[in-house]
């Protein structure tokens, strides 16, 4: 999602709320070399941590 998008919206599970709006900082056109860059992996790791936190323990939402 980071490679293709210009903006990534992370939403919470039930009820669906916007947790974060992430503006992808990489210029277009994007080259394949971006996939191995430290900045690209940092962006992916950041978004993954937001999703993980939203899911809560054992993959359940924080609201369950």
PDB file of N, CA and C in Angstrom:
ATOM      1  N   UNK A   1       0.809  -1.192   0.000  1.00  0.00           N
ATOM      2  CA  UNK A   1       0.000   0.000   0.000  1.00  0.00           C
ATOM      3  C   UNK A   1       0.855   1.261   0.000  1.00  0.00           C
ATOM      4  N   UNK A   2       2.012   1.221   0.605  1.00  0.00           N
ATOM      5  CA  UNK A   2       2.881   2.400   0.643  1.00  0.00           C
ATOM      6  C   UNK A   2       3.475   2.687  -0.727  1.00  0.00           C
ATOM      7  N   UNK A   3       3.768   1.667  -1.482  1.00  0.00           N
ATOM      8  CA  UNK A   3       4.390   1.853  -2.795  1.00  0.00           C
ATOM      9  C   UNK A   3       3.401   2.449  -3.795  1.00  0.00           C
ATOM     10  N   UNK A   4       2.150   2.058  -3.730  1.00  0.00           N
ATOM     11  CA  UNK A   4       1.163   2.475  -4.718  1.00  0.00           C
ATOM     12  C   UNK A   4       0.391   3.735  -4.350  1.00  0.00           C
ATOM     13  N   UNK A   5       0.224   3.987  -3.074  1.00  0.00           N
ATOM     14  CA  UNK A   5      -0.657   5.072  -2.631  1.00  0.00           C
ATOM     15  C   UNK A   5       0.070   6.402  -2.485  1.00  0.00           C
ATOM     16  N   UNK A   6      -0.707   7.466  -2.519  1.00  0.00           N
ATOM     17  CA  UNK A   6      -0.214   8.792  -2.159  1.00  0.00           C
ATOM     18  C   UNK A   6      -0.608   9.122  -0.721  1.00  0.00           C
ATOM     19  N   UNK A   7      -1.732   8.566  -0.293  1.00  0.00           N
ATOM     20  CA  UNK A   7      -2.224   8.733   1.066  1.00  0.00           C
ATOM     21  C   UNK A   7      -2.754   7.394   1.548  1.00  0.00           C
ATOM     22  N   UNK A   8      -2.445   7.047   2.802  1.00  0.00           N
ATOM     23  CA  UNK A   8      -2.980   5.830   3.406  1.00  0.00           C
ATOM     24  C   UNK A   8      -3.807   6.256   4.614  1.00  0.00           C
ATOM     25  N   UNK A   9      -5.058   5.809   4.626  1.00  0.00           N
ATOM     26  CA  UNK A   9      -5.945   6.083   5.746  1.00  0.00           C
ATOM     27  C   UNK A   9      -6.058   4.791   6.558  1.00  0.00           C
ATOM     28  N   UNK A  10      -5.683   4.850   7.827  1.00  0.00           N
ATOM     29  CA  UNK A  10      -5.788   3.684   8.706  1.00  0.00           C
ATOM     30  C   UNK A  10      -7.042   3.859   9.542  1.00  0.00           C
ATOM     31  N   UNK A  11      -7.921   2.850   9.462  1.00  0.00           N
ATOM     32  CA  UNK A  11      -9.176   2.905  10.210  1.00  0.00           C
ATOM     33  C   UNK A  11      -9.202   1.830  11.285  1.00  0.00           C
ATOM     34  N   UNK A  12      -9.946   2.112  12.331  1.00  0.00           N
ATOM     35  CA  UNK A  12     -10.121   1.142  13.414  1.00  0.00           C
ATOM     36  C   UNK A  12     -11.228   0.166  13.027  1.00  0.00           C
ATOM     37  N   UNK A  13     -11.171  -1.041  13.620  1.00  0.00           N
ATOM     38  CA  UNK A  13     -12.310  -1.936  13.460  1.00  0.00           C
ATOM     39  C   UNK A  13     -13.464  -1.435  14.335  1.00  0.00           C
ATOM     40  N   UNK A  14     -14.637  -1.843  14.058  1.00  0.00           N
ATOM     41  CA  UNK A  14     -15.872  -1.501  14.770  1.00  0.00           C
ATOM     42  C   UNK A  14     -15.691  -0.625  15.998  1.00  0.00           C
ATOM     43  N   UNK A  15     -16.182   0.509  16.091  1.00  0.00           N
ATOM     44  CA  UNK A  15     -16.745   1.264  14.978  1.00  0.00           C
ATOM     45  C   UNK A  15     -15.618   1.844  14.137  1.00  0.00           C
ATOM     46  N   UNK A  16     -15.819   1.897  12.869  1.00  0.00           N
ATOM     47  CA  UNK A  16     -14.781   2.388  11.968  1.00  0.00           C
ATOM     48  C   UNK A  16     -14.505   3.866  12.188  1.00  0.00           C
ATOM     49  N   UNK A  17     -13.311   4.153  12.680  1.00  0.00           N
ATOM     50  CA  UNK A  17     -12.877   5.545  12.887  1.00  0.00           C
ATOM     51  C   UNK A  17     -11.523   5.700  12.221  1.00  0.00           C
ATOM     52  N   UNK A  18     -11.252   6.886  11.782  1.00  0.00           N
ATOM     53  CA  UNK A  18      -9.937   7.150  11.197  1.00  0.00           C
ATOM     54  C   UNK A  18      -8.938   7.298  12.335  1.00  0.00           C
ATOM     55  N   UNK A  19      -7.917   6.436  12.313  1.00  0.00           N
ATOM     56  CA  UNK A  19      -6.861   6.496  13.320  1.00  0.00           C
ATOM     57  C   UNK A  19      -5.709   7.367  12.863  1.00  0.00           C
ATOM     58  N   UNK A  20      -5.421   7.304  11.573  1.00  0.00           N
ATOM     59  CA  UNK A  20      -4.298   8.079  11.052  1.00  0.00           C
ATOM     60  C   UNK A  20      -4.441   8.289   9.558  1.00  0.00           C
ATOM     61  N   UNK A  21      -4.052   9.467   9.137  1.00  0.00           N
ATOM     62  CA  UNK A  21      -3.947   9.786   7.718  1.00  0.00           C
ATOM     63  C   UNK A  21      -2.461   9.953   7.451  1.00  0.00           C
ATOM     64  N   UNK A  22      -1.906   9.075   6.628  1.00  0.00           N
ATOM     65  CA  UNK A  22      -0.467   9.048   6.370  1.00  0.00           C
ATOM     66  C   UNK A  22      -0.217   9.480   4.932  1.00  0.00           C
ATOM     67  N   UNK A  23       0.457  10.603   4.773  1.00  0.00           N
ATOM     68  CA  UNK A  23       0.834  11.090   3.448  1.00  0.00           C
ATOM     69  C   UNK A  23       2.145  10.414   3.062  1.00  0.00           C
ATOM     70  N   UNK A  24       2.127   9.637   2.000  1.00  0.00           N
ATOM     71  CA  UNK A  24       3.305   8.896   1.562  1.00  0.00           C
ATOM     72  C   UNK A  24       4.320   9.906   1.007  1.00  0.00           C
ATOM     73  N   UNK A  25       5.537   9.926   1.564  1.00  0.00           N
ATOM     74  CA  UNK A  25       6.496  10.982   1.235  1.00  0.00           C
ATOM     75  C   UNK A  25       7.363  10.731  -0.005  1.00  0.00           C
ATOM     76  N   UNK A  26       7.089   9.692  -0.753  1.00  0.00           N
ATOM     77  CA  UNK A  26       7.975   9.335  -1.863  1.00  0.00           C
ATOM     78  C   UNK A  26       7.468   9.913  -3.179  1.00  0.00           C
ATOM     79  N   UNK A  27       8.412  10.469  -3.937  1.00  0.00           N
ATOM     80  CA  UNK A  27       8.059  11.098  -5.211  1.00  0.00           C
ATOM     81  C   UNK A  27       7.619  10.070  -6.238  1.00  0.00           C
ATOM     82  N   UNK A  28       6.845  10.525  -7.176  1.00  0.00           N
ATOM     83  CA  UNK A  28       6.433   9.703  -8.317  1.00  0.00           C
ATOM     84  C   UNK A  28       7.219  10.141  -9.524  1.00  0.00           C
ATOM     85  N   UNK A  29       7.492   9.302 -10.456  1.00  0.00           N
ATOM     86  CA  UNK A  29       7.190   7.876 -10.432  1.00  0.00           C
ATOM     87  C   UNK A  29       8.114   7.162  -9.455  1.00  0.00           C
ATOM     88  N   UNK A  30       7.581   6.129  -8.836  1.00  0.00           N
ATOM     89  CA  UNK A  30       8.356   5.357  -7.865  1.00  0.00           C
ATOM     90  C   UNK A  30       9.076   4.231  -8.578  1.00  0.00           C
ATOM     91  N   UNK A  31      10.311   4.048  -8.197  1.00  0.00           N
ATOM     92  CA  UNK A  31      11.137   3.004  -8.810  1.00  0.00           C
ATOM     93  C   UNK A  31      11.230   1.793  -7.898  1.00  0.00           C
ATOM     94  N   UNK A  32      11.517   0.663  -8.474  1.00  0.00           N
ATOM     95  CA  UNK A  32      11.603  -0.586  -7.716  1.00  0.00           C
ATOM     96  C   UNK A  32      12.647  -0.507  -6.602  1.00  0.00           C
ATOM     97  N   UNK A  33      13.685   0.300  -6.778  1.00  0.00           N
ATOM     98  CA  UNK A  33      14.731   0.431  -5.758  1.00  0.00           C
ATOM     99  C   UNK A  33      14.174   0.953  -4.435  1.00  0.00           C
ATOM    100  N   UNK A  34      13.064   1.662  -4.512  1.00  0.00           N
ATOM    101  CA  UNK A  34      12.444   2.191  -3.299  1.00  0.00           C
ATOM    102  C   UNK A  34      12.093   1.066  -2.324  1.00  0.00           C
ATOM    103  N   UNK A  35      11.727  -0.089  -2.858  1.00  0.00           N
ATOM    104  CA  UNK A  35      11.297  -1.210  -2.022  1.00  0.00           C
ATOM    105  C   UNK A  35      12.375  -1.701  -1.058  1.00  0.00           C
ATOM    106  N   UNK A  36      13.618  -1.428  -1.356  1.00  0.00           N
ATOM    107  CA  UNK A  36      14.703  -1.866  -0.474  1.00  0.00           C
ATOM    108  C   UNK A  36      15.293  -0.721   0.352  1.00  0.00           C
ATOM    109  N   UNK A  37      14.675   0.449   0.297  1.00  0.00           N
ATOM    110  CA  UNK A  37      15.223   1.590   1.035  1.00  0.00           C
ATOM    111  C   UNK A  37      14.801   1.578   2.502  1.00  0.00           C
ATOM    112  N   UNK A  38      15.635   2.155   3.328  1.00  0.00           N
ATOM    113  CA  UNK A  38      15.377   2.251   4.769  1.00  0.00           C
ATOM    114  C   UNK A  38      14.123   3.086   5.043  1.00  0.00           C
ATOM    115  N   UNK A  39      13.945   4.183   4.307  1.00  0.00           N
ATOM    116  CA  UNK A  39      12.778   5.052   4.514  1.00  0.00           C
ATOM    117  C   UNK A  39      11.471   4.342   4.161  1.00  0.00           C
ATOM    118  N   UNK A  40      11.484   3.557   3.098  1.00  0.00           N
ATOM    119  CA  UNK A  40      10.296   2.808   2.705  1.00  0.00           C
ATOM    120  C   UNK A  40       9.917   1.817   3.796  1.00  0.00           C
ATOM    121  N   UNK A  41      10.896   1.090   4.312  1.00  0.00           N
ATOM    122  CA  UNK A  41      10.613   0.112   5.357  1.00  0.00           C
ATOM    123  C   UNK A  41      10.173   0.786   6.650  1.00  0.00           C
ATOM    124  N   UNK A  42      10.693   1.951   6.943  1.00  0.00           N
ATOM    125  CA  UNK A  42      10.263   2.685   8.130  1.00  0.00           C
ATOM    126  C   UNK A  42       8.793   3.096   8.003  1.00  0.00           C
ATOM    127  N   UNK A  43       8.386   3.532   6.822  1.00  0.00           N
ATOM    128  CA  UNK A  43       6.987   3.909   6.596  1.00  0.00           C
ATOM    129  C   UNK A  43       6.075   2.693   6.746  1.00  0.00           C
ATOM    130  N   UNK A  44       6.472   1.565   6.161  1.00  0.00           N
ATOM    131  CA  UNK A  44       5.687   0.327   6.275  1.00  0.00           C
ATOM    132  C   UNK A  44       5.599  -0.131   7.726  1.00  0.00           C
ATOM    133  N   UNK A  45       6.706  -0.068   8.444  1.00  0.00           N
ATOM    134  CA  UNK A  45       6.719  -0.471   9.850  1.00  0.00           C
ATOM    135  C   UNK A  45       5.812   0.426  10.691  1.00  0.00           C
ATOM    136  N   UNK A  46       5.845   1.714  10.408  1.00  0.00           N
ATOM    137  CA  UNK A  46       4.991   2.653  11.143  1.00  0.00           C
ATOM    138  C   UNK A  46       3.519   2.305  10.946  1.00  0.00           C
ATOM    139  N   UNK A  47       3.108   2.114   9.694  1.00  0.00           N
ATOM    140  CA  UNK A  47       1.706   1.795   9.426  1.00  0.00           C
ATOM    141  C   UNK A  47       1.319   0.434  10.001  1.00  0.00           C
ATOM    142  N   UNK A  48       2.218  -0.520   9.946  1.00  0.00           N
ATOM    143  CA  UNK A  48       1.937  -1.827  10.537  1.00  0.00           C
ATOM    144  C   UNK A  48       1.729  -1.718  12.042  1.00  0.00           C
ATOM    145  N   UNK A  49       2.514  -0.868  12.702  1.00  0.00           N
ATOM    146  CA  UNK A  49       2.356  -0.711  14.150  1.00  0.00           C
ATOM    147  C   UNK A  49       1.025  -0.042  14.485  1.00  0.00           C
ATOM    148  N   UNK A  50       0.574   0.892  13.663  1.00  0.00           N
ATOM    149  CA  UNK A  50      -0.735   1.517  13.892  1.00  0.00           C
ATOM    150  C   UNK A  50      -1.833   0.469  13.745  1.00  0.00           C
ATOM    151  N   UNK A  51      -1.734  -0.372  12.714  1.00  0.00           N
ATOM    152  CA  UNK A  51      -2.729  -1.431  12.518  1.00  0.00           C
ATOM    153  C   UNK A  51      -2.699  -2.447  13.657  1.00  0.00           C
ATOM    154  N   UNK A  52      -1.511  -2.819  14.101  1.00  0.00           N
ATOM    155  CA  UNK A  52      -1.374  -3.787  15.187  1.00  0.00           C
ATOM    156  C   UNK A  52      -1.980  -3.244  16.473  1.00  0.00           C
ATOM    157  N   UNK A  53      -1.705  -1.979  16.779  1.00  0.00           N
ATOM    158  CA  UNK A  53      -2.248  -1.366  17.985  1.00  0.00           C
ATOM    159  C   UNK A  53      -3.772  -1.304  17.913  1.00  0.00           C
ATOM    160  N   UNK A  54      -4.310  -0.996  16.738  1.00  0.00           N
ATOM    161  CA  UNK A  54      -5.764  -0.904  16.571  1.00  0.00           C
ATOM    162  C   UNK A  54      -6.422  -2.260  16.769  1.00  0.00           C
ATOM    163  N   UNK A  55      -5.734  -3.339  16.382  1.00  0.00           N
ATOM    164  CA  UNK A  55      -6.303  -4.676  16.508  1.00  0.00           C
ATOM    165  C   UNK A  55      -6.321  -5.142  17.962  1.00  0.00           C
ATOM    166  N   UNK A  56      -5.407  -4.645  18.785  1.00  0.00           N
ATOM    167  CA  UNK A  56      -5.359  -5.025  20.189  1.00  0.00           C
ATOM    168  C   UNK A  56      -4.840  -6.438  20.382  1.00  0.00           C
ATOM    169  N   UNK A  57      -4.927  -6.952  21.592  1.00  0.00           N
ATOM    170  CA  UNK A  57      -4.397  -8.292  21.880  1.00  0.00           C
ATOM    171  C   UNK A  57      -5.155  -9.375  21.122  1.00  0.00           C
ATOM    172  N   UNK A  58      -4.411 -10.340  20.627  1.00  0.00           N
ATOM    173  CA  UNK A  58      -4.962 -11.506  19.924  1.00  0.00           C
ATOM    174  C   UNK A  58      -5.813 -11.123  18.723  1.00  0.00           C
ATOM    175  N   UNK A  59      -5.520  -9.954  18.118  1.00  0.00           N
ATOM    176  CA  UNK A  59      -6.225  -9.560  16.910  1.00  0.00           C
ATOM    177  C   UNK A  59      -7.622  -9.005  17.127  1.00  0.00           C
ATOM    178  N   UNK A  60      -8.014  -8.761  18.383  1.00  0.00           N
ATOM    179  CA  UNK A  60      -9.317  -8.193  18.652  1.00  0.00           C
ATOM    180  C   UNK A  60      -9.213  -6.679  18.712  1.00  0.00           C
ATOM    181  N   UNK A  61     -10.281  -6.013  18.339  1.00  0.00           N
ATOM    182  CA  UNK A  61     -10.246  -4.559  18.371  1.00  0.00           C
ATOM    183  C   UNK A  61     -10.188  -4.074  19.813  1.00  0.00           C
ATOM    184  N   UNK A  62      -9.674  -2.880  19.997  1.00  0.00           N
ATOM    185  CA  UNK A  62      -9.561  -2.295  21.334  1.00  0.00           C
ATOM    186  C   UNK A  62     -10.951  -2.042  21.932  1.00  0.00           C
ATOM    187  N   UNK A  63     -11.996  -1.975  21.077  1.00  0.00           N
ATOM    188  CA  UNK A  63     -13.355  -1.694  21.548  1.00  0.00           C
ATOM    189  C   UNK A  63     -14.112  -2.945  21.932  1.00  0.00           C
ATOM    190  N   UNK A  64     -13.561  -4.152  21.658  1.00  0.00           N
ATOM    191  CA  UNK A  64     -14.274  -5.411  21.975  1.00  0.00           C
ATOM    192  C   UNK A  64     -14.252  -5.693  23.457  1.00  0.00           C
TER     193      UNK A  64
END
